[in-house]
N, C-alpha and C. Protein backbone atom coordinates (compact mmCIF):
# COMPACT_ATOMS: atom_id res chain seq x y z
N SER A 1 -7.53 -13.17 21.39
CA SER A 1 -8.38 -12.59 22.29
C SER A 1 -7.73 -11.31 22.25
N VAL A 2 -8.31 -10.24 23.01
CA VAL A 2 -7.88 -8.93 23.40
C VAL A 2 -7.16 -8.71 24.96
N TYR A 3 -5.79 -7.43 24.52
CA TYR A 3 -4.82 -8.18 25.29
C TYR A 3 -4.17 -6.62 25.33
N ALA A 4 -4.23 -6.09 27.15
CA ALA A 4 -3.79 -5.28 26.87
C ALA A 4 -1.91 -5.16 28.16
N ASP A 5 -1.10 -4.49 28.25
CA ASP A 5 0.01 -5.28 29.14
C ASP A 5 0.10 -3.98 30.24
N THR A 6 0.93 -3.74 30.63
CA THR A 6 1.47 -2.52 32.05
C THR A 6 2.25 -1.82 30.92
N ASN A 7 2.72 -1.77 30.09
CA ASN A 7 3.53 -1.09 28.78
C ASN A 7 2.93 -0.18 28.03
N ASP A 8 1.68 -0.30 27.72
CA ASP A 8 0.80 0.10 27.29
C ASP A 8 0.31 0.19 26.09
N TYR A 9 0.67 -1.12 25.86
CA TYR A 9 0.41 -1.87 24.48
C TYR A 9 -0.70 -2.30 24.55
N ILE A 10 -1.78 -2.48 23.67
CA ILE A 10 -3.08 -3.03 23.81
C ILE A 10 -2.88 -3.49 21.99
N GLY A 11 -3.80 -4.74 21.97
CA GLY A 11 -3.83 -5.62 20.67
C GLY A 11 -4.56 -7.09 21.42
N PHE A 12 -4.09 -7.80 19.71
CA PHE A 12 -4.73 -9.61 20.00
C PHE A 12 -3.96 -10.20 19.95
N LEU A 13 -3.82 -11.38 20.95
CA LEU A 13 -3.09 -12.50 21.02
C LEU A 13 -3.94 -13.78 20.48
N ASP A 14 -3.10 -14.46 19.84
CA ASP A 14 -3.50 -15.88 19.43
C ASP A 14 -3.76 -16.98 20.37
N ASP A 15 -3.66 -18.17 19.92
CA ASP A 15 -3.74 -19.21 20.78
C ASP A 15 -2.97 -19.32 21.87
N SER A 16 -1.60 -19.22 21.45
CA SER A 16 -0.34 -19.59 22.51
C SER A 16 -0.12 -18.02 22.84
N GLU A 17 -0.78 -17.46 22.57
CA GLU A 17 -0.33 -16.00 24.03
C GLU A 17 0.15 -15.58 23.31
N ASN A 18 0.62 -15.32 21.97
CA ASN A 18 1.81 -14.62 21.03
C ASN A 18 0.67 -13.25 20.48
N TRP A 19 1.29 -12.20 20.39
CA TRP A 19 0.79 -10.81 19.82
C TRP A 19 0.40 -11.09 18.09
N ARG A 20 -0.32 -10.85 18.16
CA ARG A 20 -0.80 -10.86 16.49
C ARG A 20 -0.61 -9.26 15.87
N ILE A 21 -1.12 -8.52 16.46
CA ILE A 21 -1.27 -6.99 16.33
C ILE A 21 -1.10 -6.50 17.92
N ARG A 22 -0.42 -5.47 17.86
CA ARG A 22 -0.02 -4.55 19.18
C ARG A 22 0.13 -3.07 18.60
N ALA A 23 -0.78 -2.46 19.38
CA ALA A 23 -0.69 -1.34 19.13
C ALA A 23 0.28 -0.20 20.13
N THR A 24 1.40 0.61 20.29
CA THR A 24 1.97 1.02 20.96
C THR A 24 2.55 2.36 20.33
N GLN A 25 2.80 2.98 21.24
CA GLN A 25 2.78 4.31 21.50
C GLN A 25 3.78 5.00 20.34
N SER A 26 3.99 4.43 19.98
CA SER A 26 4.88 4.75 18.18
C SER A 26 3.99 4.29 17.24
N GLY A 27 3.27 3.45 17.01
CA GLY A 27 2.44 2.57 15.73
C GLY A 27 1.47 1.24 15.98
N TYR A 28 1.75 0.84 15.52
CA TYR A 28 0.95 -0.76 15.66
C TYR A 28 2.34 -1.88 14.48
N GLN A 29 2.06 -2.92 15.23
CA GLN A 29 3.29 -3.64 14.78
C GLN A 29 1.81 -5.42 14.63
N PHE A 30 2.48 -5.64 13.62
CA PHE A 30 0.91 -6.84 12.84
C PHE A 30 2.71 -8.20 12.45
N PHE A 31 2.30 -8.97 13.30
CA PHE A 31 2.98 -9.77 13.34
C PHE A 31 2.46 -11.58 13.01
N GLY A 32 2.41 -11.28 11.55
CA GLY A 32 1.70 -12.78 11.02
C GLY A 32 2.01 -12.02 8.95
N THR A 33 1.05 -12.93 8.00
CA THR A 33 0.47 -12.51 7.17
C THR A 33 -1.21 -12.17 6.98
N ASP A 34 -1.01 -11.27 6.02
CA ASP A 34 -2.53 -10.99 5.61
C ASP A 34 -3.05 -12.22 4.64
N HIS A 35 -4.17 -12.49 4.99
CA HIS A 35 -4.66 -13.80 4.45
C HIS A 35 -5.33 -13.97 2.78
N SER A 36 -4.35 -14.49 1.64
CA SER A 36 -4.42 -14.38 0.72
C SER A 36 -4.85 -15.62 -0.12
N ASP A 37 -5.25 -16.57 0.68
CA ASP A 37 -5.45 -17.98 0.32
C ASP A 37 -6.92 -17.86 -0.78
N ARG A 38 -6.18 -19.06 -1.47
CA ARG A 38 -7.54 -19.01 -2.89
C ARG A 38 -8.46 -19.05 -2.60
N ASP A 39 -9.08 -20.28 -1.80
CA ASP A 39 -9.96 -20.97 -1.46
C ASP A 39 -11.17 -19.92 -0.30
N LEU A 40 -10.25 -18.49 -0.30
CA LEU A 40 -10.98 -17.65 0.40
C LEU A 40 -11.66 -16.44 -0.41
N LYS A 41 -11.34 -16.67 -1.85
CA LYS A 41 -11.26 -15.77 -2.86
C LYS A 41 -12.22 -16.19 -3.87
N ASP A 42 -12.64 -15.04 -4.49
CA ASP A 42 -13.86 -15.77 -5.57
C ASP A 42 -13.34 -14.51 -6.65
N ASN A 43 -13.92 -14.82 -7.81
CA ASN A 43 -13.95 -13.79 -9.26
C ASN A 43 -12.74 -13.76 -9.31
N ILE A 44 -11.47 -14.02 -9.09
CA ILE A 44 -9.72 -14.09 -9.45
C ILE A 44 -9.70 -13.59 -10.90
N THR A 45 -9.09 -12.59 -11.26
CA THR A 45 -8.78 -12.41 -12.30
C THR A 45 -7.02 -11.58 -12.08
N ALA A 46 -6.34 -11.74 -13.44
CA ALA A 46 -5.28 -10.67 -13.36
C ALA A 46 -5.69 -9.65 -13.95
N ILE A 47 -4.64 -8.41 -13.45
CA ILE A 47 -5.04 -6.85 -13.53
C ILE A 47 -4.92 -7.24 -15.07
N THR A 48 -5.84 -6.37 -15.49
CA THR A 48 -6.00 -6.13 -17.00
C THR A 48 -5.43 -4.33 -17.62
N GLY A 49 -4.71 -4.28 -18.68
CA GLY A 49 -4.24 -2.93 -19.12
C GLY A 49 -2.68 -2.98 -18.57
N THR A 50 -2.18 -1.46 -18.37
CA THR A 50 -1.57 -1.74 -18.08
C THR A 50 -0.90 -0.67 -16.96
N SER A 51 0.18 -1.12 -16.17
CA SER A 51 0.42 -0.40 -14.49
C SER A 51 1.82 0.79 -14.91
N LEU A 52 2.27 0.19 -15.56
CA LEU A 52 3.36 1.22 -15.81
C LEU A 52 2.90 2.65 -16.07
N ASP A 53 2.42 2.75 -16.88
CA ASP A 53 1.86 3.81 -17.25
C ASP A 53 1.32 4.87 -16.15
N LYS A 54 0.45 4.32 -16.06
CA LYS A 54 -0.18 4.86 -13.57
C LYS A 54 0.85 4.87 -13.00
N ILE A 55 1.82 3.66 -12.57
CA ILE A 55 2.82 4.09 -11.46
C ILE A 55 3.48 5.29 -11.40
N THR A 56 3.83 5.67 -12.49
CA THR A 56 4.94 6.53 -13.10
C THR A 56 4.18 7.89 -12.92
N LYS A 57 2.99 8.17 -13.12
CA LYS A 57 2.47 8.88 -12.36
C LYS A 57 2.10 10.06 -11.49
N LEU A 58 2.50 8.56 -10.60
CA LEU A 58 1.94 8.54 -9.24
C LEU A 58 3.12 9.54 -8.55
N VAL A 59 2.90 10.80 -7.03
CA VAL A 59 4.24 10.77 -6.52
C VAL A 59 4.44 11.21 -5.55
N PRO A 60 4.72 10.60 -4.87
CA PRO A 60 4.69 9.85 -3.69
C PRO A 60 5.04 11.50 -2.58
N LYS A 61 4.96 11.92 -1.50
CA LYS A 61 4.77 13.27 -0.94
C LYS A 61 4.90 12.77 0.31
N SER A 62 5.68 13.67 1.34
CA SER A 62 6.04 13.70 2.14
C SER A 62 4.80 14.79 3.25
N PHE A 63 4.23 14.49 4.36
CA PHE A 63 3.38 15.05 4.90
C PHE A 63 3.57 15.26 6.49
N THR A 64 2.42 15.87 7.40
CA THR A 64 2.04 16.00 8.52
C THR A 64 0.59 15.66 8.68
N TRP A 65 0.55 15.00 9.34
CA TRP A 65 -0.72 15.36 9.51
C TRP A 65 -1.84 16.53 10.50
N LYS A 66 -2.86 17.16 9.79
CA LYS A 66 -3.69 18.38 10.62
C LYS A 66 -4.15 17.61 11.93
N GLN A 67 -4.17 18.66 13.09
CA GLN A 67 -4.90 18.38 13.97
C GLN A 67 -6.04 18.24 14.34
N GLU A 68 -7.01 17.23 14.97
CA GLU A 68 -8.13 17.07 14.80
C GLU A 68 -8.30 18.01 15.84
N ALA A 69 -9.80 17.40 15.85
CA ALA A 69 -10.85 18.72 17.11
C ALA A 69 -10.55 18.05 18.57
N ASP A 70 -10.11 16.78 18.44
CA ASP A 70 -9.86 15.89 19.67
C ASP A 70 -8.52 16.81 20.12
N GLY A 71 -7.49 16.96 19.79
CA GLY A 71 -6.42 17.58 20.18
C GLY A 71 -5.18 15.95 20.51
N LYS A 72 -5.46 14.61 19.40
CA LYS A 72 -4.82 13.58 20.11
C LYS A 72 -4.12 12.88 18.87
N ILE A 73 -3.72 14.14 18.12
CA ILE A 73 -2.55 14.09 16.70
C ILE A 73 -1.93 14.15 16.51
N ASP A 74 -0.54 13.92 16.73
CA ASP A 74 0.65 13.95 16.51
C ASP A 74 1.54 15.07 15.25
N THR A 75 1.02 16.05 15.33
CA THR A 75 1.00 16.79 14.28
C THR A 75 2.89 16.95 14.12
N THR A 76 3.75 16.54 14.66
CA THR A 76 5.19 16.96 14.52
C THR A 76 6.20 16.30 13.21
N GLN A 77 5.48 14.89 13.54
CA GLN A 77 5.96 13.19 12.77
C GLN A 77 5.82 13.62 11.48
N THR A 78 6.69 13.48 10.64
CA THR A 78 6.49 13.52 9.50
C THR A 78 6.32 12.21 8.53
N TYR A 79 5.43 12.11 7.43
CA TYR A 79 5.26 10.93 6.91
C TYR A 79 5.57 10.64 5.26
N VAL A 80 5.59 9.51 4.54
CA VAL A 80 5.76 9.86 3.16
C VAL A 80 4.22 8.62 3.01
N GLY A 81 3.75 9.43 1.90
CA GLY A 81 2.80 7.79 0.76
C GLY A 81 2.70 8.82 -0.04
N PHE A 82 1.38 8.21 -0.66
CA PHE A 82 0.55 9.23 -1.87
C PHE A 82 -0.95 9.53 -0.94
N ILE A 83 -1.32 10.78 -1.83
CA ILE A 83 -2.47 11.56 -1.48
C ILE A 83 -3.61 10.66 -1.99
N ALA A 84 -4.67 10.40 -1.38
CA ALA A 84 -6.15 9.33 -2.45
C ALA A 84 -6.40 10.21 -3.62
N GLN A 85 -6.37 11.46 -2.91
CA GLN A 85 -7.01 12.80 -4.10
C GLN A 85 -6.39 12.60 -5.66
N ASP A 86 -4.83 12.13 -5.43
CA ASP A 86 -3.88 12.32 -6.18
C ASP A 86 -4.14 10.65 -7.17
N VAL A 87 -4.36 9.89 -6.37
CA VAL A 87 -3.84 7.95 -6.63
C VAL A 87 -5.42 8.21 -7.49
N LYS A 88 -6.59 8.93 -7.43
CA LYS A 88 -7.57 8.58 -7.75
C LYS A 88 -8.23 9.02 -9.30
N GLU A 89 -7.01 9.60 -9.77
CA GLU A 89 -6.85 10.42 -11.04
C GLU A 89 -6.02 9.59 -12.08
N HIS A 90 -5.31 8.31 -11.44
CA HIS A 90 -4.70 7.39 -12.48
C HIS A 90 -5.34 6.17 -12.19
N LEU A 91 -5.17 5.86 -10.70
CA LEU A 91 -5.84 4.31 -10.26
C LEU A 91 -7.13 4.23 -9.18
N PRO A 92 -8.26 4.88 -10.10
CA PRO A 92 -10.02 5.05 -9.33
C PRO A 92 -10.03 3.62 -8.43
N SER A 93 -9.85 2.62 -8.78
CA SER A 93 -10.48 1.49 -8.34
C SER A 93 -9.57 1.46 -6.81
N LEU A 94 -8.42 2.38 -6.70
CA LEU A 94 -7.85 1.50 -5.34
C LEU A 94 -8.40 2.81 -4.07
N VAL A 95 -9.06 3.51 -4.80
CA VAL A 95 -9.50 5.01 -3.46
C VAL A 95 -11.32 4.78 -3.17
N THR A 96 -11.14 5.06 -2.09
CA THR A 96 -12.57 4.88 -1.91
C THR A 96 -13.08 6.73 -1.21
N GLY A 97 -14.32 6.91 -0.90
CA GLY A 97 -14.51 8.09 0.25
C GLY A 97 -14.69 9.13 -1.12
N THR A 98 -15.20 10.39 -0.32
CA THR A 98 -15.63 11.03 -1.47
C THR A 98 -14.55 12.23 -1.05
N ASP A 99 -13.96 13.12 -1.94
CA ASP A 99 -13.55 14.72 -1.69
C ASP A 99 -13.91 15.29 -1.22
N GLY A 100 -13.61 16.01 -0.28
CA GLY A 100 -14.03 17.19 0.35
C GLY A 100 -14.78 16.83 1.62
N ASN A 101 -14.95 15.42 2.02
CA ASN A 101 -15.84 15.03 3.12
C ASN A 101 -14.76 14.48 4.57
N LYS A 102 -13.29 14.43 3.88
CA LYS A 102 -12.39 13.89 4.94
C LYS A 102 -12.11 12.74 5.05
N ASP A 103 -12.46 12.03 4.24
CA ASP A 103 -13.11 10.09 4.15
C ASP A 103 -12.03 9.31 3.50
N MET A 104 -11.31 9.84 2.42
CA MET A 104 -10.64 9.11 1.67
C MET A 104 -9.86 8.40 2.08
N GLY A 105 -9.72 7.02 1.42
CA GLY A 105 -8.70 6.51 1.63
C GLY A 105 -8.08 5.63 0.12
N LEU A 106 -7.02 4.28 1.16
CA LEU A 106 -6.07 4.34 -0.47
C LEU A 106 -6.06 2.57 0.18
N ASP A 107 -6.14 2.26 -0.78
CA ASP A 107 -5.89 0.60 -1.00
C ASP A 107 -4.13 0.24 -1.11
N TYR A 108 -3.32 0.44 -0.06
CA TYR A 108 -1.52 0.54 -0.40
C TYR A 108 -1.69 -0.81 -0.91
N ARG A 109 -2.29 -2.25 0.02
CA ARG A 109 -2.31 -3.52 -1.01
C ARG A 109 -2.10 -3.54 -2.40
N GLY A 110 -3.34 -3.27 -3.10
CA GLY A 110 -3.71 -2.57 -4.11
C GLY A 110 -2.55 -1.79 -4.90
N LEU A 111 -2.17 -0.96 -4.60
CA LEU A 111 -1.07 -0.04 -4.87
C LEU A 111 0.03 -0.71 -5.38
N PHE A 112 0.44 -1.80 -4.30
CA PHE A 112 1.48 -2.46 -4.09
C PHE A 112 1.40 -3.51 -4.65
N SER A 113 0.41 -3.98 -5.63
CA SER A 113 0.25 -5.06 -6.67
C SER A 113 0.43 -4.67 -8.11
N HIS A 114 -0.22 -3.29 -8.06
CA HIS A 114 -0.13 -1.84 -9.81
C HIS A 114 1.68 -1.80 -9.22
N ALA A 115 2.65 -1.80 -8.30
CA ALA A 115 3.66 -1.48 -8.37
C ALA A 115 4.47 -2.78 -9.28
N ILE A 116 3.95 -3.85 -8.41
CA ILE A 116 4.75 -5.78 -9.14
C ILE A 116 4.60 -5.42 -10.65
N LYS A 117 3.56 -5.23 -10.89
CA LYS A 117 2.99 -5.44 -12.02
C LYS A 117 3.18 -4.51 -13.21
N ALA A 118 3.91 -2.99 -12.87
CA ALA A 118 4.50 -2.30 -13.42
C ALA A 118 6.46 -2.94 -13.72
N LEU A 119 6.75 -3.37 -12.26
CA LEU A 119 7.87 -4.02 -12.67
C LEU A 119 7.65 -4.99 -13.52
N THR A 120 7.36 -5.49 -14.12
CA THR A 120 7.26 -6.61 -14.64
C THR A 120 7.16 -6.21 -16.13
N GLU A 121 6.37 -5.43 -16.23
CA GLU A 121 6.11 -4.51 -17.52
C GLU A 121 7.18 -4.03 -18.05
N LEU A 122 7.97 -3.04 -17.10
CA LEU A 122 9.29 -2.85 -17.34
C LEU A 122 10.54 -3.70 -17.69
N SER A 123 10.72 -5.03 -17.19
CA SER A 123 11.39 -5.92 -16.98
C SER A 123 11.19 -6.17 -18.66
N ALA A 124 10.10 -6.38 -18.90
CA ALA A 124 9.63 -6.81 -20.24
C ALA A 124 10.29 -6.49 -21.85
N GLU A 125 10.44 -4.38 -20.88
CA GLU A 125 10.85 -3.35 -22.04
C GLU A 125 12.26 -4.14 -22.38
N VAL A 126 12.97 -4.10 -20.70
CA VAL A 126 14.04 -4.28 -21.08
C VAL A 126 15.24 -5.24 -21.84
N ASP A 127 14.10 -6.65 -21.41
CA ASP A 127 14.66 -7.62 -22.18
C ASP A 127 14.06 -7.04 -23.54
N THR A 128 13.61 -6.60 -24.24
CA THR A 128 13.23 -6.16 -25.75
C THR A 128 14.64 -5.51 -26.07
N LEU A 129 14.94 -4.36 -25.32
CA LEU A 129 15.62 -3.55 -25.70
C LEU A 129 17.21 -3.88 -25.44
N LYS A 130 17.72 -4.66 -24.33
CA LYS A 130 18.54 -5.91 -24.25
C LYS A 130 18.47 -7.01 -26.21
N THR A 131 18.05 -7.35 -26.59
CA THR A 131 17.71 -7.72 -27.77
C THR A 131 17.88 -7.21 -28.51
N LYS A 132 17.47 -6.28 -29.07
CA LYS A 132 17.90 -5.21 -30.17
C LYS A 132 19.29 -4.72 -30.40
N VAL A 133 19.78 -3.86 -28.68
CA VAL A 133 20.77 -3.90 -28.68
C VAL A 133 22.16 -5.05 -29.20
N ALA A 134 21.67 -5.73 -28.74
CA ALA A 134 22.68 -7.33 -28.93
C ALA A 134 22.57 -7.41 -30.66
N ALA A 135 21.67 -6.94 -31.18
CA ALA A 135 21.58 -7.16 -32.08
C ALA A 135 21.76 -6.26 -33.04
N LEU A 136 22.10 -5.02 -32.46
CA LEU A 136 22.65 -4.10 -33.42
C LEU A 136 24.21 -4.08 -33.51
N GLU A 137 24.79 -4.88 -32.35
CA GLU A 137 26.11 -4.41 -31.89
C GLU A 137 26.70 -5.76 -32.72
N ALA A 138 25.70 -6.54 -32.92
CA ALA A 138 26.26 -8.16 -33.95
C ALA A 138 26.48 -7.18 -35.17
N ALA A 139 25.54 -6.44 -35.73
CA ALA A 139 25.91 -6.31 -37.47
C ALA A 139 27.16 -5.16 -37.64
């Protein structure tokens, strides 16, 4: 159910009256997990191609938000993340919206999945190099 309290929190409660999502003065909190059950998904396939070459081209940035017309954006806090236009060049399937319309979004869960795939690719490269080094040292 939707709930608001006297501490200026607003969000959703579960059936036991515990917070599931709560917006606060400083941001939001999510108490739970993202749905990821196989039974809720169709067309499940492994990510094809390589991710390491794409992930290593992404450059994390720090930024502040621009003020909107309603004047209700905190422009003093610095954030870190990625710029959708930059990510689109390397991982276009993770970006929505149109450049110039101020509506571009980034699927950070998808980015996280590619980062995990990149780590497994890197791990395989390290294992190959360890084997080659061991062979050279034994010679």
